[in-house]
N, C-alpha and C. Protein backbone atom coordinates (compact mmCIF):
# COMPACT_ATOMS: atom_id res chain seq x y z
N MET A 1 -39.75 53.66 17.13
CA MET A 1 -38.56 52.57 18.18
C MET A 1 -37.05 52.91 17.19
N LYS A 2 -35.77 52.90 18.22
CA LYS A 2 -34.87 52.45 16.78
C LYS A 2 -34.19 51.32 17.52
N LEU A 3 -33.50 51.01 16.46
CA LEU A 3 -32.74 49.22 16.27
C LEU A 3 -31.54 49.64 15.74
N ALA A 4 -30.69 49.05 15.98
CA ALA A 4 -29.14 49.09 15.35
C ALA A 4 -28.71 47.79 14.80
N VAL A 5 -28.00 47.68 13.99
CA VAL A 5 -27.17 46.80 13.41
C VAL A 5 -25.87 47.01 13.32
N ILE A 6 -25.00 46.17 13.77
CA ILE A 6 -23.52 46.65 14.13
C ILE A 6 -22.65 45.50 13.06
N TYR A 7 -21.85 45.39 12.84
CA TYR A 7 -21.49 44.62 11.72
C TYR A 7 -19.33 45.28 11.61
N ASP A 8 -18.94 44.24 11.26
CA ASP A 8 -17.79 43.77 10.85
C ASP A 8 -17.93 43.19 9.46
N SER A 9 -17.18 43.93 8.48
CA SER A 9 -16.73 43.50 6.90
C SER A 9 -15.70 43.40 6.59
N LYS A 10 -15.15 42.81 5.82
CA LYS A 10 -13.89 42.43 5.46
C LYS A 10 -14.21 42.65 3.52
N THR A 11 -14.83 42.10 3.03
CA THR A 11 -14.99 42.22 1.50
C THR A 11 -16.47 42.93 0.94
N GLY A 12 -17.21 43.24 2.18
CA GLY A 12 -18.43 44.02 1.77
C GLY A 12 -19.77 43.09 1.69
N ASN A 13 -19.21 41.98 1.96
CA ASN A 13 -20.54 40.89 2.11
C ASN A 13 -21.07 41.03 3.68
N THR A 14 -20.89 41.11 4.65
CA THR A 14 -21.18 41.08 6.03
C THR A 14 -22.32 42.74 5.64
N ARG A 15 -21.34 43.57 5.17
CA ARG A 15 -22.01 44.95 5.07
C ARG A 15 -23.51 44.75 4.64
N GLN A 16 -23.25 44.00 3.52
CA GLN A 16 -24.75 44.31 2.73
C GLN A 16 -25.53 43.21 2.62
N ALA A 17 -25.42 42.29 4.12
CA ALA A 17 -26.11 41.55 5.10
C ALA A 17 -26.73 42.55 5.85
N ALA A 18 -25.77 43.34 6.52
CA ALA A 18 -26.27 44.43 8.15
C ALA A 18 -27.38 45.29 6.88
N GLU A 19 -27.36 45.61 5.86
CA GLU A 19 -27.97 46.75 5.28
C GLU A 19 -29.56 45.67 5.12
N TRP A 20 -29.31 44.47 4.52
CA TRP A 20 -30.40 44.00 3.82
C TRP A 20 -31.28 43.96 5.63
N ILE A 21 -30.84 43.56 6.84
CA ILE A 21 -31.36 43.60 7.92
C ILE A 21 -32.03 44.63 8.07
N ALA A 22 -31.23 45.74 8.19
CA ALA A 22 -32.00 46.84 8.45
C ALA A 22 -32.98 47.50 7.59
N ALA A 23 -33.12 47.03 6.31
CA ALA A 23 -34.48 47.09 5.43
C ALA A 23 -35.39 46.47 5.84
N GLY A 24 -34.67 45.41 6.19
CA GLY A 24 -36.04 44.60 6.75
C GLY A 24 -36.73 45.39 8.55
N MET A 25 -35.90 45.68 9.05
CA MET A 25 -36.53 46.17 10.16
C MET A 25 -37.38 47.77 9.91
N THR A 26 -36.92 48.45 8.90
CA THR A 26 -37.62 49.97 8.44
C THR A 26 -38.97 49.35 7.91
N GLY A 27 -39.45 48.07 7.46
CA GLY A 27 -40.25 47.86 6.42
C GLY A 27 -41.47 47.63 7.85
N VAL A 28 -41.17 47.54 9.50
CA VAL A 28 -42.06 47.50 10.39
C VAL A 28 -42.33 48.79 10.76
N GLU A 29 -43.79 48.92 10.74
CA GLU A 29 -44.64 50.52 11.23
C GLU A 29 -43.69 51.17 12.19
N GLY A 30 -43.20 51.98 12.54
CA GLY A 30 -42.78 52.80 13.56
C GLY A 30 -41.11 52.32 14.07
N VAL A 31 -40.56 51.72 13.00
CA VAL A 31 -39.05 51.17 13.59
C VAL A 31 -37.95 52.30 12.61
N GLU A 32 -37.32 52.55 13.25
CA GLU A 32 -36.26 53.28 12.23
C GLU A 32 -34.92 52.85 12.98
N ALA A 33 -34.22 52.39 11.52
CA ALA A 33 -33.26 51.30 11.97
C ALA A 33 -31.73 51.84 10.75
N SER A 34 -30.40 51.32 11.45
CA SER A 34 -29.73 52.05 10.72
C SER A 34 -28.42 50.78 11.15
N ALA A 35 -27.59 51.01 10.13
CA ALA A 35 -26.41 49.96 10.14
C ALA A 35 -24.99 50.35 10.21
N PHE A 36 -24.28 50.28 11.12
CA PHE A 36 -22.98 50.80 11.31
C PHE A 36 -22.05 50.08 11.49
N ALA A 37 -20.48 50.08 10.86
CA ALA A 37 -19.50 49.39 10.75
C ALA A 37 -19.14 49.90 11.93
N ILE A 38 -17.98 48.41 12.43
CA ILE A 38 -17.76 48.58 14.06
C ILE A 38 -17.07 50.03 14.06
N ASP A 39 -16.04 50.37 13.08
CA ASP A 39 -15.37 51.86 13.25
C ASP A 39 -16.12 53.08 12.82
N ALA A 40 -17.52 53.08 12.58
CA ALA A 40 -18.35 54.04 12.46
C ALA A 40 -19.76 53.77 13.04
N VAL A 41 -19.44 53.54 14.58
CA VAL A 41 -20.84 53.30 15.43
C VAL A 41 -21.26 54.86 15.96
N ASP A 42 -22.46 54.80 15.58
CA ASP A 42 -23.33 56.23 16.21
C ASP A 42 -23.42 55.63 17.63
N GLU A 43 -22.79 55.91 18.64
CA GLU A 43 -22.75 55.62 20.09
C GLU A 43 -24.42 56.05 20.64
N ALA A 44 -24.79 57.33 20.02
CA ALA A 44 -26.09 57.99 20.82
C ALA A 44 -27.01 56.83 19.71
N PHE A 45 -27.15 56.97 18.78
CA PHE A 45 -28.36 55.96 18.17
C PHE A 45 -28.12 54.77 18.67
N VAL A 46 -27.25 53.78 19.18
CA VAL A 46 -27.06 52.66 19.62
C VAL A 46 -27.73 52.98 20.94
N LYS A 47 -27.49 54.06 21.89
CA LYS A 47 -27.88 53.71 23.26
C LYS A 47 -29.52 54.28 23.45
N GLU A 48 -30.08 54.77 22.24
CA GLU A 48 -31.35 54.98 21.92
C GLU A 48 -32.01 53.95 22.22
N SER A 49 -31.64 52.61 21.17
CA SER A 49 -32.03 52.05 20.34
C SER A 49 -32.60 50.64 21.56
N ARG A 50 -33.52 49.84 21.39
CA ARG A 50 -34.11 49.14 22.00
C ARG A 50 -33.90 47.76 21.63
N GLY A 51 -32.82 47.52 20.43
CA GLY A 51 -32.64 46.38 19.91
C GLY A 51 -31.41 46.20 19.00
N VAL A 52 -30.45 45.25 19.10
CA VAL A 52 -28.73 45.68 18.69
C VAL A 52 -28.47 44.47 17.93
N VAL A 53 -28.57 44.32 16.65
CA VAL A 53 -28.28 42.88 15.75
C VAL A 53 -26.49 42.91 15.63
N ILE A 54 -25.76 42.27 15.64
CA ILE A 54 -24.50 42.06 15.75
C ILE A 54 -24.08 41.34 14.68
N GLY A 55 -23.09 41.52 13.43
CA GLY A 55 -23.15 40.47 12.58
C GLY A 55 -21.56 40.31 12.72
N SER A 56 -21.22 39.27 11.82
CA SER A 56 -19.16 39.04 11.68
C SER A 56 -19.30 37.66 10.29
N PRO A 57 -18.46 38.14 9.88
CA PRO A 57 -17.70 37.17 8.49
C PRO A 57 -16.99 36.33 9.49
N ALA A 58 -16.99 34.83 8.92
CA ALA A 58 -16.63 33.86 10.12
C ALA A 58 -14.77 33.92 9.43
N TYR A 59 -14.40 33.78 10.59
CA TYR A 59 -12.55 33.87 10.25
C TYR A 59 -12.62 32.21 10.91
N ALA A 60 -11.50 31.85 10.70
CA ALA A 60 -11.57 30.74 11.25
C ALA A 60 -12.76 29.82 12.00
N ALA A 61 -13.81 29.83 11.56
CA ALA A 61 -14.99 29.80 12.32
C ALA A 61 -15.05 30.20 13.23
N LEU A 62 -14.66 31.46 13.90
CA LEU A 62 -14.69 32.62 14.57
C LEU A 62 -15.04 33.74 14.23
N MET A 63 -15.95 34.56 15.17
CA MET A 63 -16.10 36.12 14.75
C MET A 63 -14.69 36.61 14.14
N THR A 64 -14.29 37.98 13.74
CA THR A 64 -13.45 38.35 13.51
C THR A 64 -12.23 39.12 14.76
N PRO A 65 -11.28 39.32 14.55
CA PRO A 65 -10.64 39.43 15.97
C PRO A 65 -10.73 40.70 15.87
N ASP A 66 -11.20 42.02 14.81
CA ASP A 66 -11.26 43.05 15.01
C ASP A 66 -13.21 43.21 15.93
N MET A 67 -13.93 42.12 15.54
CA MET A 67 -15.33 42.24 16.21
C MET A 67 -14.95 41.98 17.49
N ARG A 68 -14.51 40.58 17.75
CA ARG A 68 -14.25 40.20 19.31
C ARG A 68 -13.58 41.59 19.91
N ALA A 69 -12.47 42.42 19.43
CA ALA A 69 -12.10 43.63 20.56
C ALA A 69 -12.86 44.55 20.43
N TRP A 70 -14.04 44.90 19.41
CA TRP A 70 -14.93 45.94 19.77
C TRP A 70 -15.87 45.39 20.49
N LEU A 71 -16.28 44.06 20.47
CA LEU A 71 -17.37 43.61 21.56
C LEU A 71 -16.87 43.83 23.01
N MET A 72 -15.47 43.55 22.94
CA MET A 72 -14.93 43.75 24.45
C MET A 72 -15.09 44.90 24.95
N GLY A 73 -15.34 46.24 24.21
CA GLY A 73 -15.60 47.77 24.96
C GLY A 73 -16.91 48.23 24.23
N ALA A 74 -17.77 46.90 24.15
CA ALA A 74 -19.02 47.32 23.84
C ALA A 74 -20.28 47.94 25.42
N GLY A 75 -19.74 47.61 26.24
CA GLY A 75 -20.65 47.59 27.28
C GLY A 75 -20.88 49.25 27.95
N ARG A 76 -19.76 50.23 27.42
CA ARG A 76 -19.83 51.21 26.93
C ARG A 76 -21.59 51.93 26.54
N LEU A 77 -22.16 50.92 25.84
CA LEU A 77 -23.10 51.20 25.04
C LEU A 77 -24.46 51.13 25.52
N GLY A 78 -24.22 50.53 26.89
CA GLY A 78 -25.59 50.46 27.47
C GLY A 78 -26.23 49.78 27.00
N LEU A 79 -25.71 48.15 26.73
CA LEU A 79 -26.70 46.92 25.87
C LEU A 79 -27.46 46.38 26.83
N ALA A 80 -27.01 46.44 27.99
CA ALA A 80 -28.50 45.33 28.95
C ALA A 80 -30.07 45.72 28.83
N GLY A 81 -30.24 44.74 28.43
CA GLY A 81 -31.89 44.91 28.56
C GLY A 81 -32.26 45.28 27.20
N LYS A 82 -31.60 45.35 26.18
CA LYS A 82 -31.81 45.33 25.00
C LYS A 82 -32.10 44.17 24.25
N LEU A 83 -32.73 43.83 23.32
CA LEU A 83 -32.90 42.75 22.79
C LEU A 83 -31.56 42.66 21.69
N GLY A 84 -31.55 41.43 21.36
CA GLY A 84 -29.90 41.22 21.10
C GLY A 84 -30.32 40.29 19.97
N GLY A 85 -29.63 40.63 18.94
CA GLY A 85 -29.46 39.48 17.66
C GLY A 85 -28.46 39.05 17.24
N ALA A 86 -28.21 38.17 16.34
CA ALA A 86 -27.03 37.73 15.81
C ALA A 86 -26.83 37.27 14.02
N PHE A 87 -25.72 37.55 13.30
CA PHE A 87 -25.91 36.98 12.08
C PHE A 87 -24.25 36.89 11.70
N ALA A 88 -24.15 36.11 10.03
CA ALA A 88 -22.76 35.86 10.23
C ALA A 88 -22.52 35.68 8.48
N THR A 89 -21.81 35.84 7.83
CA THR A 89 -21.29 35.60 5.94
C THR A 89 -20.06 34.83 6.44
N GLU A 90 -20.19 33.53 5.62
CA GLU A 90 -18.96 32.97 5.68
C GLU A 90 -18.91 32.55 3.98
N GLN A 91 -17.23 32.60 3.52
CA GLN A 91 -16.76 32.19 2.36
C GLN A 91 -17.55 30.99 1.82
N TYR A 92 -17.64 29.83 2.03
CA TYR A 92 -18.15 28.13 1.86
C TYR A 92 -19.33 27.72 2.71
N THR A 93 -19.88 27.04 2.21
CA THR A 93 -20.88 25.99 2.84
C THR A 93 -20.28 25.40 4.18
N HIS A 94 -20.72 25.54 5.34
CA HIS A 94 -20.12 25.02 6.71
C HIS A 94 -19.19 25.64 7.09
N GLY A 95 -18.74 26.80 6.35
CA GLY A 95 -17.36 28.11 7.04
C GLY A 95 -17.54 28.30 8.41
N GLY A 96 -18.37 27.83 9.67
CA GLY A 96 -18.34 28.06 10.67
C GLY A 96 -19.23 29.54 10.98
N GLY A 97 -20.31 29.89 10.26
CA GLY A 97 -21.02 30.89 10.71
C GLY A 97 -21.96 30.42 11.84
N GLU A 98 -22.28 29.34 12.33
CA GLU A 98 -22.91 28.74 13.05
C GLU A 98 -22.46 29.12 14.60
N MET A 99 -20.96 28.97 14.43
CA MET A 99 -20.31 29.48 15.87
C MET A 99 -19.81 30.91 16.03
N VAL A 100 -20.06 31.69 14.85
CA VAL A 100 -19.58 33.39 15.06
C VAL A 100 -21.20 33.81 15.47
N ILE A 101 -22.41 33.03 15.21
CA ILE A 101 -23.37 33.43 15.73
C ILE A 101 -23.56 33.17 17.47
N GLN A 102 -23.40 31.80 17.46
CA GLN A 102 -23.34 31.54 19.03
C GLN A 102 -21.97 32.13 19.89
N SER A 103 -20.99 32.64 19.44
CA SER A 103 -20.22 33.59 20.19
C SER A 103 -20.55 34.92 20.28
N ILE A 104 -21.42 35.16 19.16
CA ILE A 104 -21.98 36.87 19.55
C ILE A 104 -23.05 36.93 20.52
N LEU A 105 -23.87 35.92 20.38
CA LEU A 105 -25.08 35.59 21.23
C LEU A 105 -24.67 35.54 22.92
N THR A 106 -23.50 34.53 22.81
CA THR A 106 -22.86 34.45 23.97
C THR A 106 -22.42 35.68 24.46
N ASN A 107 -21.92 36.81 23.68
CA ASN A 107 -21.44 38.27 24.72
C ASN A 107 -22.62 38.58 24.84
N GLU A 108 -23.77 38.77 23.98
CA GLU A 108 -24.85 39.65 24.53
C GLU A 108 -25.37 39.11 25.29
N LEU A 109 -25.45 37.76 25.82
CA LEU A 109 -26.41 37.49 27.22
C LEU A 109 -25.35 37.83 28.33
N VAL A 110 -23.97 37.89 28.20
CA VAL A 110 -22.85 38.34 29.12
C VAL A 110 -23.10 40.07 29.37
N PHE A 111 -23.68 40.46 28.83
CA PHE A 111 -23.86 41.90 28.55
C PHE A 111 -25.15 42.13 29.17
N GLY A 112 -26.10 41.03 29.33
CA GLY A 112 -27.10 41.03 29.93
C GLY A 112 -28.40 41.44 29.18
N MET A 113 -28.04 41.34 27.82
CA MET A 113 -29.39 41.31 26.65
C MET A 113 -30.25 40.05 26.59
N LEU A 114 -31.08 40.53 26.09
CA LEU A 114 -32.03 39.45 25.91
C LEU A 114 -32.06 39.11 24.54
N CYS A 115 -31.90 37.52 24.13
CA CYS A 115 -31.58 37.28 22.96
C CYS A 115 -32.31 36.35 22.04
N TYR A 116 -32.74 36.85 20.86
CA TYR A 116 -34.07 36.98 19.98
C TYR A 116 -33.67 35.57 19.28
N SER A 117 -34.74 34.58 18.98
CA SER A 117 -34.49 33.90 18.33
C SER A 117 -36.06 33.47 17.77
N GLY A 118 -36.49 34.02 16.52
CA GLY A 118 -37.73 33.17 16.06
C GLY A 118 -37.94 31.58 15.56
N GLY A 119 -36.63 31.04 15.55
CA GLY A 119 -37.06 29.48 15.78
C GLY A 119 -37.79 28.90 14.30
N GLY A 120 -38.53 27.86 14.77
CA GLY A 120 -39.78 27.47 13.99
C GLY A 120 -41.11 27.90 14.04
N SER A 121 -41.01 28.78 14.99
CA SER A 121 -42.21 29.52 15.50
C SER A 121 -42.90 30.58 14.26
N CYS A 122 -41.84 30.96 13.89
CA CYS A 122 -42.55 32.16 13.04
C CYS A 122 -42.72 31.11 11.35
N GLY A 123 -42.38 30.00 11.17
CA GLY A 123 -42.75 29.30 9.95
C GLY A 123 -42.11 29.83 9.00
N ARG A 124 -41.86 30.03 7.72
CA ARG A 124 -40.56 29.40 6.66
C ARG A 124 -40.58 30.82 6.05
N PRO A 125 -38.93 31.38 6.21
CA PRO A 125 -37.92 30.67 6.31
C PRO A 125 -37.76 30.45 7.81
N VAL A 126 -37.35 29.29 8.21
CA VAL A 126 -36.83 28.97 9.35
C VAL A 126 -35.56 29.64 9.59
N ILE A 127 -35.73 30.22 10.66
CA ILE A 127 -34.15 31.19 11.13
C ILE A 127 -34.15 30.74 13.00
N HIS A 128 -33.11 29.72 12.75
CA HIS A 128 -33.08 29.35 14.58
C HIS A 128 -32.37 30.48 15.26
N MET A 129 -31.13 30.28 14.72
CA MET A 129 -30.57 31.36 15.77
C MET A 129 -30.04 32.92 14.99
N GLY A 130 -29.89 33.07 14.12
CA GLY A 130 -29.63 34.44 13.31
C GLY A 130 -29.63 33.59 11.96
N PRO A 131 -29.68 34.15 10.46
CA PRO A 131 -29.19 34.36 9.40
C PRO A 131 -27.67 34.30 8.87
N ILE A 132 -27.29 33.31 8.13
CA ILE A 132 -25.79 33.14 7.54
C ILE A 132 -25.88 33.05 6.36
N GLY A 133 -25.59 33.66 5.48
CA GLY A 133 -25.16 33.92 3.63
C GLY A 133 -23.70 33.59 3.70
N VAL A 134 -23.70 32.81 2.39
CA VAL A 134 -22.54 32.21 1.85
C VAL A 134 -22.35 32.70 0.47
N ASN A 135 -21.47 33.40 0.20
CA ASN A 135 -20.71 34.28 -1.10
C ASN A 135 -20.42 33.64 -1.69
N GLY A 136 -20.15 33.44 -3.21
CA GLY A 136 -19.91 33.04 -4.07
C GLY A 136 -18.36 33.78 -4.67
N ASN A 137 -17.42 34.10 -3.81
CA ASN A 137 -16.21 34.00 -3.38
C ASN A 137 -15.14 32.94 -3.83
N VAL A 138 -15.91 31.51 -2.70
CA VAL A 138 -15.31 30.75 -3.15
C VAL A 138 -15.99 30.01 -3.71
N GLU A 139 -17.30 29.24 -3.68
CA GLU A 139 -17.91 28.43 -4.42
C GLU A 139 -18.77 29.45 -5.54
N ALA A 140 -18.18 28.42 -6.53
CA ALA A 140 -19.23 29.60 -7.53
C ALA A 140 -20.36 29.32 -7.46
N HIS A 141 -21.06 28.32 -7.04
CA HIS A 141 -22.72 27.91 -7.24
C HIS A 141 -23.17 29.10 -6.14
N ASN A 142 -22.54 29.60 -5.41
CA ASN A 142 -23.10 30.54 -4.04
C ASN A 142 -23.06 31.64 -4.44
N ARG A 143 -23.93 32.95 -4.07
CA ARG A 143 -24.10 33.81 -4.37
C ARG A 143 -24.94 34.57 -3.10
N LEU A 144 -24.28 35.68 -2.34
CA LEU A 144 -24.52 36.33 -0.99
C LEU A 144 -26.23 36.48 -1.88
N GLU A 145 -26.72 36.84 -2.86
CA GLU A 145 -27.65 37.60 -3.15
C GLU A 145 -28.94 36.60 -2.78
N ASN A 146 -28.48 34.73 -2.49
CA ASN A 146 -29.45 33.85 -2.93
C ASN A 146 -30.23 34.01 -1.19
N TYR A 147 -29.29 34.70 -0.16
CA TYR A 147 -29.89 34.73 0.95
C TYR A 147 -30.30 35.92 1.62
N GLU A 148 -30.26 37.00 0.67
CA GLU A 148 -31.76 38.21 0.51
C GLU A 148 -32.31 38.05 1.56
N GLU A 149 -33.52 37.18 0.75
CA GLU A 149 -34.79 36.76 1.56
C GLU A 149 -34.67 36.70 3.22
N TYR A 150 -33.48 35.88 3.74
CA TYR A 150 -33.27 35.45 4.97
C TYR A 150 -32.91 36.65 6.07
N PHE A 151 -32.25 37.20 5.16
CA PHE A 151 -31.72 37.98 6.19
C PHE A 151 -32.82 39.34 6.13
N ARG A 152 -33.43 40.05 5.40
CA ARG A 152 -34.77 40.83 5.45
C ARG A 152 -35.64 40.17 6.27
N VAL A 153 -36.15 39.60 6.19
CA VAL A 153 -37.04 38.53 7.02
C VAL A 153 -36.67 38.41 8.53
N PHE A 154 -35.44 37.96 8.54
CA PHE A 154 -34.82 38.39 10.24
C PHE A 154 -34.85 39.87 10.46
N GLY A 155 -34.92 40.83 10.04
CA GLY A 155 -34.98 42.41 10.29
C GLY A 155 -36.09 42.45 10.60
N GLU A 156 -37.31 41.92 9.26
CA GLU A 156 -38.54 41.82 9.94
C GLU A 156 -39.26 41.46 10.97
N ARG A 157 -38.64 40.23 11.39
CA ARG A 157 -39.33 39.45 12.49
C ARG A 157 -38.71 39.87 14.00
N PHE A 158 -37.46 40.45 14.15
CA PHE A 158 -36.78 41.29 15.07
C PHE A 158 -37.08 42.17 15.54
N ALA A 159 -37.89 43.30 14.48
CA ALA A 159 -38.58 44.68 14.87
C ALA A 159 -39.99 44.21 15.45
N ALA A 160 -40.68 43.42 14.71
CA ALA A 160 -41.64 42.80 15.19
C ALA A 160 -41.67 42.33 16.91
N LYS A 161 -40.32 41.92 17.12
CA LYS A 161 -40.47 41.37 18.73
C LYS A 161 -40.25 42.17 19.18
N ALA A 162 -39.53 43.24 18.78
CA ALA A 162 -39.05 44.38 20.10
C ALA A 162 -39.87 45.19 20.15
N LYS A 163 -40.99 45.14 19.11
CA LYS A 163 -42.23 46.15 18.92
C LYS A 163 -42.96 45.73 20.55
N GLU A 164 -42.98 44.39 20.15
CA GLU A 164 -44.11 43.40 21.06
C GLU A 164 -43.92 43.44 22.38
N LEU A 165 -42.25 43.57 22.60
CA LEU A 165 -41.55 43.61 23.96
C LEU A 165 -41.62 44.87 24.49
N PHE A 166 -41.14 45.89 23.83
CA PHE A 166 -41.20 47.17 24.27
C PHE A 166 -42.01 48.20 23.64
N GLY A 167 -43.00 48.08 23.00
CA GLY A 167 -44.01 48.83 22.56
C GLY A 167 -43.52 49.76 21.56
N ALA A 168 -44.56 51.01 20.53
CA ALA A 168 -43.84 51.33 19.54
C ALA A 168 -42.91 52.65 20.16
């Protein structure tokens, strides 16, 4: 089963988070996952994918303008019926990552996607709507690596749910 992670990244942090999610996905037997920047999406791969996770850095508490523009044209990828997920990165704690995730999930619902949330049902770490990572660009005490487990676990859980819903 193919799963895709699509992201916009300005400093490399969101790209790293996307790669961690894809690595978590490929840890599930029978799953092939790839991460793509919005300017290098393998459309054939995405069309064959049963699930798509979309991520953006927080930009003034919103997804980036580039991600928003990309999403407005994403209908051509046949997203309806696929499992959807979202993630975000932010420069500082409380930088708007939750709002980014909500806006991505809203777009996925409009496309007719099924939106994934393990919530508290999967135990710890609890990831309600999607993982958020804070990098050390602004806050010296934060490092994106501190959040690696959340992104990998989210990828594993997303892949397991996709297999449950769509079969191997």
